[in-house]
Amino acid sequence: MRYDKGRKDASRSRIMEVASHRFRGDGIAASGLASIMSDAGMTNGAFYPHFQSKADLVRESVASALEAQSQQLQDVLASGGLELALAMYLSPEHRDHPQTGCASAALLPEIARQPPETRAFYTERLLTLVRQLAKDLPPGIRDPEGAALGVFASLIGALQLSRAVEGTELSDRILAAGADAARTLAQPRKKVEAS
């Protein structure tokens, strides 16, 4: 039985949406295709007309999540600048809901174990995010892209640490410390005058 293109596209989108939530919430390795397809309301056999393998689904789901994050970052930076971006990223809500949050913070160790094509795809998307942020850093930073990399590393690391100790006072302190570190990295460095 053949289905129209719109229905196939909707099914593919639904699989990717469920997989993205599952991967970020439970991890890639812990998310089986059977449970993803069941959650999507489809049979296991309906998977293969859309994706060749789980690795393909991982790559496309992570790419889609990063594209959505890129759009959200652009919107947040345009409306509230770096301070709003820091507040949203290092919020208790983001910490407590990894399934809808940053794919990097939820999946980095597993992405590092993915095939080279997935890691290359991830690298491209990450650099897009970094370059977006670099454009919105204050003027006077010698290496805006390097500073943006540092900010992202601080944010992702702080979020991961806060999730590891979630439910404790330390978790909130880690979020605040991560925001302070990111602010420091995003400031122009003062030149030291020679005496």
C-alpha atoms as a PDB file:
ATOM      1  CA  MET A   1       0.000   0.000   0.000  1.00  0.00           C
ATOM      2  CA  ARG A   2       1.391   3.391  -0.967  1.00  0.00           C
ATOM      3  CA  TYR A   3       0.990   6.542   1.102  1.00  0.00           C
ATOM      4  CA  ASP A   4       1.199  10.110  -0.097  1.00  0.00           C
ATOM      5  CA  LYS A   5       4.384  12.103   0.465  1.00  0.00           C
ATOM      6  CA  GLY A   6       2.797  14.296   3.147  1.00  0.00           C
ATOM      7  CA  ARG A   7       1.947  11.285   5.284  1.00  0.00           C
ATOM      8  CA  LYS A   8       5.438   9.832   4.856  1.00  0.00           C
ATOM      9  CA  ASP A   9       7.003  13.165   5.826  1.00  0.00           C
ATOM     10  CA  ALA A  10       4.727  13.380   8.879  1.00  0.00           C
ATOM     11  CA  SER A  11       5.689   9.848   9.931  1.00  0.00           C
ATOM     12  CA  ARG A  12       9.384  10.621   9.525  1.00  0.00           C
ATOM     13  CA  SER A  13       9.012  13.820  11.561  1.00  0.00           C
ATOM     14  CA  ARG A  14       7.178  11.946  14.298  1.00  0.00           C
ATOM     15  CA  ILE A  15       9.907   9.279  14.493  1.00  0.00           C
ATOM     16  CA  MET A  16      12.591  11.966  14.710  1.00  0.00           C
ATOM     17  CA  GLU A  17      10.690  13.900  17.381  1.00  0.00           C
ATOM     18  CA  VAL A  18      10.222  10.824  19.565  1.00  0.00           C
ATOM     19  CA  ALA A  19      13.816   9.693  19.000  1.00  0.00           C
ATOM     20  CA  SER A  20      15.191  13.133  19.839  1.00  0.00           C
ATOM     21  CA  HIS A  21      13.312  13.184  23.159  1.00  0.00           C
ATOM     22  CA  ARG A  22      14.280   9.600  23.933  1.00  0.00           C
ATOM     23  CA  PHE A  23      17.951  10.067  23.057  1.00  0.00           C
ATOM     24  CA  ARG A  24      18.265  13.226  25.156  1.00  0.00           C
ATOM     25  CA  GLY A  25      16.221  11.854  28.046  1.00  0.00           C
ATOM     26  CA  ASP A  26      17.410   8.239  28.215  1.00  0.00           C
ATOM     27  CA  GLY A  27      20.579   8.217  26.130  1.00  0.00           C
ATOM     28  CA  ILE A  28      21.250   6.828  22.676  1.00  0.00           C
ATOM     29  CA  ALA A  29      22.355   3.362  23.793  1.00  0.00           C
ATOM     30  CA  ALA A  30      19.360   2.950  26.127  1.00  0.00           C
ATOM     31  CA  SER A  31      16.853   3.944  23.431  1.00  0.00           C
ATOM     32  CA  GLY A  32      15.878   0.964  21.329  1.00  0.00           C
ATOM     33  CA  LEU A  33      14.199   1.249  17.967  1.00  0.00           C
ATOM     34  CA  ALA A  34      11.229  -0.836  19.164  1.00  0.00           C
ATOM     35  CA  SER A  35      10.434   1.604  21.984  1.00  0.00           C
ATOM     36  CA  ILE A  36      10.939   4.636  19.731  1.00  0.00           C
ATOM     37  CA  MET A  37       8.593   3.231  17.104  1.00  0.00           C
ATOM     38  CA  SER A  38       6.038   2.228  19.726  1.00  0.00           C
ATOM     39  CA  ASP A  39       6.100   5.730  21.222  1.00  0.00           C
ATOM     40  CA  ALA A  40       5.683   7.132  17.703  1.00  0.00           C
ATOM     41  CA  GLY A  41       2.592   4.940  17.256  1.00  0.00           C
ATOM     42  CA  MET A  42       4.137   2.836  14.494  1.00  0.00           C
ATOM     43  CA  THR A  43       5.377  -0.689  13.938  1.00  0.00           C
ATOM     44  CA  ASN A  44       9.063  -1.622  13.807  1.00  0.00           C
ATOM     45  CA  GLY A  45       8.737  -2.315  10.084  1.00  0.00           C
ATOM     46  CA  ALA A  46       7.702   1.294   9.475  1.00  0.00           C
ATOM     47  CA  PHE A  47      11.192   2.442  10.508  1.00  0.00           C
ATOM     48  CA  TYR A  48      13.158   1.311   7.443  1.00  0.00           C
ATOM     49  CA  PRO A  49      11.323   3.254   4.736  1.00  0.00           C
ATOM     50  CA  HIS A  50      12.533   6.368   6.596  1.00  0.00           C
ATOM     51  CA  PHE A  51      16.035   5.490   7.873  1.00  0.00           C
ATOM     52  CA  GLN A  52      18.667   2.926   6.920  1.00  0.00           C
ATOM     53  CA  SER A  53      19.866   2.408  10.487  1.00  0.00           C
ATOM     54  CA  LYS A  54      19.720   3.673  14.032  1.00  0.00           C
ATOM     55  CA  ALA A  55      22.955   5.581  13.314  1.00  0.00           C
ATOM     56  CA  ASP A  56      21.119   7.494  10.552  1.00  0.00           C
ATOM     57  CA  LEU A  57      18.298   8.284  12.953  1.00  0.00           C
ATOM     58  CA  VAL A  58      20.780   9.461  15.586  1.00  0.00           C
ATOM     59  CA  ARG A  59      22.561  11.737  13.116  1.00  0.00           C
ATOM     60  CA  GLU A  60      19.367  13.280  11.795  1.00  0.00           C
ATOM     61  CA  SER A  61      17.737  13.630  15.224  1.00  0.00           C
ATOM     62  CA  VAL A  62      20.787  15.315  16.714  1.00  0.00           C
ATOM     63  CA  ALA A  63      21.100  17.584  13.672  1.00  0.00           C
ATOM     64  CA  SER A  64      17.443  18.556  13.957  1.00  0.00           C
ATOM     65  CA  ALA A  65      17.793  19.261  17.696  1.00  0.00           C
ATOM     66  CA  LEU A  66      20.871  21.421  17.065  1.00  0.00           C
ATOM     67  CA  GLU A  67      19.125  23.324  14.272  1.00  0.00           C
ATOM     68  CA  ALA A  68      16.215  24.053  16.615  1.00  0.00           C
ATOM     69  CA  GLN A  69      18.701  25.132  19.292  1.00  0.00           C
ATOM     70  CA  SER A  70      20.430  27.402  16.776  1.00  0.00           C
ATOM     71  CA  GLN A  71      17.124  29.104  15.945  1.00  0.00           C
ATOM     72  CA  GLN A  72      16.274  29.448  19.631  1.00  0.00           C
ATOM     73  CA  LEU A  73      19.716  30.922  20.361  1.00  0.00           C
ATOM     74  CA  GLN A  74      19.311  33.414  17.539  1.00  0.00           C
ATOM     75  CA  ASP A  75      15.897  34.467  18.871  1.00  0.00           C
ATOM     76  CA  VAL A  76      17.110  34.734  22.479  1.00  0.00           C
ATOM     77  CA  LEU A  77      20.221  36.730  21.564  1.00  0.00           C
ATOM     78  CA  ALA A  78      18.096  39.093  19.447  1.00  0.00           C
ATOM     79  CA  SER A  79      15.554  39.663  22.200  1.00  0.00           C
ATOM     80  CA  GLY A  80      17.641  39.632  25.382  1.00  0.00           C
ATOM     81  CA  GLY A  81      21.307  39.224  24.532  1.00  0.00           C
ATOM     82  CA  LEU A  82      23.852  37.058  26.283  1.00  0.00           C
ATOM     83  CA  GLU A  83      22.344  37.525  29.754  1.00  0.00           C
ATOM     84  CA  LEU A  84      19.015  36.055  28.695  1.00  0.00           C
ATOM     85  CA  ALA A  85      20.779  33.200  26.886  1.00  0.00           C
ATOM     86  CA  LEU A  86      22.768  32.370  30.043  1.00  0.00           C
ATOM     87  CA  ALA A  87      19.663  32.575  32.237  1.00  0.00           C
ATOM     88  CA  MET A  88      17.690  30.254  29.983  1.00  0.00           C
ATOM     89  CA  TYR A  89      20.467  27.735  29.377  1.00  0.00           C
ATOM     90  CA  LEU A  90      21.504  27.448  33.013  1.00  0.00           C
ATOM     91  CA  SER A  91      17.995  27.443  34.422  1.00  0.00           C
ATOM     92  CA  PRO A  92      16.537  24.789  36.725  1.00  0.00           C
ATOM     93  CA  GLU A  93      13.901  24.107  34.029  1.00  0.00           C
ATOM     94  CA  HIS A  94      16.574  23.267  31.448  1.00  0.00           C
ATOM     95  CA  ARG A  95      18.476  21.172  33.985  1.00  0.00           C
ATOM     96  CA  ASP A  96      15.369  19.228  34.964  1.00  0.00           C
ATOM     97  CA  HIS A  97      14.143  18.472  31.423  1.00  0.00           C
ATOM     98  CA  PRO A  98      17.036  17.040  29.379  1.00  0.00           C
ATOM     99  CA  GLN A  99      14.644  15.357  26.936  1.00  0.00           C
ATOM    100  CA  THR A 100      13.713  18.760  25.494  1.00  0.00           C
ATOM    101  CA  GLY A 101      16.990  20.569  26.144  1.00  0.00           C
ATOM    102  CA  CYS A 102      20.438  20.903  24.678  1.00  0.00           C
ATOM    103  CA  ALA A 103      21.481  17.819  22.714  1.00  0.00           C
ATOM    104  CA  SER A 104      25.148  18.514  23.451  1.00  0.00           C
ATOM    105  CA  ALA A 105      24.718  18.522  27.224  1.00  0.00           C
ATOM    106  CA  ALA A 106      22.597  15.380  27.090  1.00  0.00           C
ATOM    107  CA  LEU A 107      24.588  13.367  24.562  1.00  0.00           C
ATOM    108  CA  LEU A 108      28.247  14.385  24.211  1.00  0.00           C
ATOM    109  CA  PRO A 109      29.818  11.164  25.534  1.00  0.00           C
ATOM    110  CA  GLU A 110      27.581   9.114  23.239  1.00  0.00           C
ATOM    111  CA  ILE A 111      28.091  11.396  20.228  1.00  0.00           C
ATOM    112  CA  ALA A 112      31.837  10.842  20.650  1.00  0.00           C
ATOM    113  CA  ARG A 113      31.186   7.109  20.093  1.00  0.00           C
ATOM    114  CA  GLN A 114      29.084   7.559  16.957  1.00  0.00           C
ATOM    115  CA  PRO A 115      30.358   6.894  13.403  1.00  0.00           C
ATOM    116  CA  PRO A 116      32.624   9.551  11.843  1.00  0.00           C
ATOM    117  CA  GLU A 117      29.784  10.871   9.653  1.00  0.00           C
ATOM    118  CA  THR A 118      27.668  11.648  12.727  1.00  0.00           C
ATOM    119  CA  ARG A 119      30.577  13.309  14.536  1.00  0.00           C
ATOM    120  CA  ALA A 120      31.384  15.409  11.442  1.00  0.00           C
ATOM    121  CA  PHE A 121      27.726  16.446  11.165  1.00  0.00           C
ATOM    122  CA  TYR A 122      27.691  17.327  14.859  1.00  0.00           C
ATOM    123  CA  THR A 123      30.893  19.376  14.460  1.00  0.00           C
ATOM    124  CA  GLU A 124      29.353  21.420  11.637  1.00  0.00           C
ATOM    125  CA  ARG A 125      26.240  22.180  13.692  1.00  0.00           C
ATOM    126  CA  LEU A 126      28.265  23.030  16.792  1.00  0.00           C
ATOM    127  CA  LEU A 127      30.404  25.483  14.833  1.00  0.00           C
ATOM    128  CA  THR A 128      27.234  27.151  13.547  1.00  0.00           C
ATOM    129  CA  LEU A 129      26.118  27.716  17.156  1.00  0.00           C
ATOM    130  CA  VAL A 130      29.568  28.950  18.176  1.00  0.00           C
ATOM    131  CA  ARG A 131      29.731  31.418  15.286  1.00  0.00           C
ATOM    132  CA  GLN A 132      26.232  32.696  16.115  1.00  0.00           C
ATOM    133  CA  LEU A 133      27.277  33.407  19.669  1.00  0.00           C
ATOM    134  CA  ALA A 134      30.633  34.880  18.615  1.00  0.00           C
ATOM    135  CA  LYS A 135      28.799  37.535  16.564  1.00  0.00           C
ATOM    136  CA  ASP A 136      26.848  38.623  19.640  1.00  0.00           C
ATOM    137  CA  LEU A 137      29.747  38.885  22.077  1.00  0.00           C
ATOM    138  CA  PRO A 138      30.808  42.362  23.186  1.00  0.00           C
ATOM    139  CA  PRO A 139      33.196  44.228  20.879  1.00  0.00           C
ATOM    140  CA  GLY A 140      36.857  44.188  21.777  1.00  0.00           C
ATOM    141  CA  ILE A 141      37.278  40.437  22.216  1.00  0.00           C
ATOM    142  CA  ARG A 142      40.434  39.428  20.352  1.00  0.00           C
ATOM    143  CA  ASP A 143      39.202  35.945  19.425  1.00  0.00           C
ATOM    144  CA  PRO A 144      35.391  35.959  19.491  1.00  0.00           C
ATOM    145  CA  GLU A 145      35.113  32.387  18.182  1.00  0.00           C
ATOM    146  CA  GLY A 146      37.565  31.144  20.813  1.00  0.00           C
ATOM    147  CA  ALA A 147      35.645  32.996  23.524  1.00  0.00           C
ATOM    148  CA  ALA A 148      32.361  31.538  22.248  1.00  0.00           C
ATOM    149  CA  LEU A 149      33.872  28.033  22.360  1.00  0.00           C
ATOM    150  CA  GLY A 150      34.864  28.673  25.961  1.00  0.00           C
ATOM    151  CA  VAL A 151      31.388  29.950  26.807  1.00  0.00           C
ATOM    152  CA  PHE A 152      29.765  26.866  25.266  1.00  0.00           C
ATOM    153  CA  ALA A 153      32.170  24.548  27.076  1.00  0.00           C
ATOM    154  CA  SER A 154      31.393  26.275  30.382  1.00  0.00           C
ATOM    155  CA  LEU A 155      27.640  26.148  29.809  1.00  0.00           C
ATOM    156  CA  ILE A 156      27.565  22.509  28.733  1.00  0.00           C
ATOM    157  CA  GLY A 157      29.876  21.408  31.535  1.00  0.00           C
ATOM    158  CA  ALA A 158      27.900  23.322  34.160  1.00  0.00           C
ATOM    159  CA  LEU A 159      24.622  21.858  32.936  1.00  0.00           C
ATOM    160  CA  GLN A 160      26.019  18.322  32.940  1.00  0.00           C
ATOM    161  CA  LEU A 161      27.447  18.720  36.450  1.00  0.00           C
ATOM    162  CA  SER A 162      24.215  20.236  37.765  1.00  0.00           C
ATOM    163  CA  ARG A 163      22.274  17.269  36.387  1.00  0.00           C
ATOM    164  CA  ALA A 164      24.639  14.808  38.036  1.00  0.00           C
ATOM    165  CA  VAL A 165      23.894  16.294  41.468  1.00  0.00           C
ATOM    166  CA  GLU A 166      20.290  17.359  40.733  1.00  0.00           C
ATOM    167  CA  GLY A 167      18.095  17.732  43.782  1.00  0.00           C
ATOM    168  CA  THR A 168      20.818  19.290  45.892  1.00  0.00           C
ATOM    169  CA  GLU A 169      21.814  22.830  46.770  1.00  0.00           C
ATOM    170  CA  LEU A 170      25.089  22.174  44.966  1.00  0.00           C
ATOM    171  CA  SER A 171      23.206  21.760  41.691  1.00  0.00           C
ATOM    172  CA  ASP A 172      21.902  25.333  41.840  1.00  0.00           C
ATOM    173  CA  ARG A 173      25.339  26.618  42.859  1.00  0.00           C
ATOM    174  CA  ILE A 174      26.866  24.911  39.802  1.00  0.00           C
ATOM    175  CA  LEU A 175      24.341  26.630  37.515  1.00  0.00           C
ATOM    176  CA  ALA A 176      25.216  30.032  39.022  1.00  0.00           C
ATOM    177  CA  ALA A 177      28.970  29.367  38.854  1.00  0.00           C
ATOM    178  CA  GLY A 178      28.667  28.286  35.209  1.00  0.00           C
ATOM    179  CA  ALA A 179      26.895  31.539  34.338  1.00  0.00           C
ATOM    180  CA  ASP A 180      29.607  33.555  36.136  1.00  0.00           C
ATOM    181  CA  ALA A 181      32.348  31.675  34.257  1.00  0.00           C
ATOM    182  CA  ALA A 182      30.595  32.234  30.929  1.00  0.00           C
ATOM    183  CA  ARG A 183      30.244  35.974  31.663  1.00  0.00           C
ATOM    184  CA  THR A 184      33.948  36.185  32.441  1.00  0.00           C
ATOM    185  CA  LEU A 185      34.873  34.428  29.182  1.00  0.00           C
ATOM    186  CA  ALA A 186      32.604  36.756  27.218  1.00  0.00           C
ATOM    187  CA  GLN A 187      34.300  39.949  28.439  1.00  0.00           C
ATOM    188  CA  PRO A 188      37.021  41.764  26.532  1.00  0.00           C
ATOM    189  CA  ARG A 189      40.392  41.345  28.202  1.00  0.00           C
ATOM    190  CA  LYS A 190      42.101  44.495  29.363  1.00  0.00           C
ATOM    191  CA  LYS A 191      45.531  45.137  27.919  1.00  0.00           C
ATOM    192  CA  VAL A 192      48.343  45.015  30.403  1.00  0.00           C
ATOM    193  CA  GLU A 193      50.508  48.115  30.062  1.00  0.00           C
ATOM    194  CA  ALA A 194      54.236  47.570  29.898  1.00  0.00           C
ATOM    195  CA  SER A 195      56.224  49.450  32.518  1.00  0.00           C
END
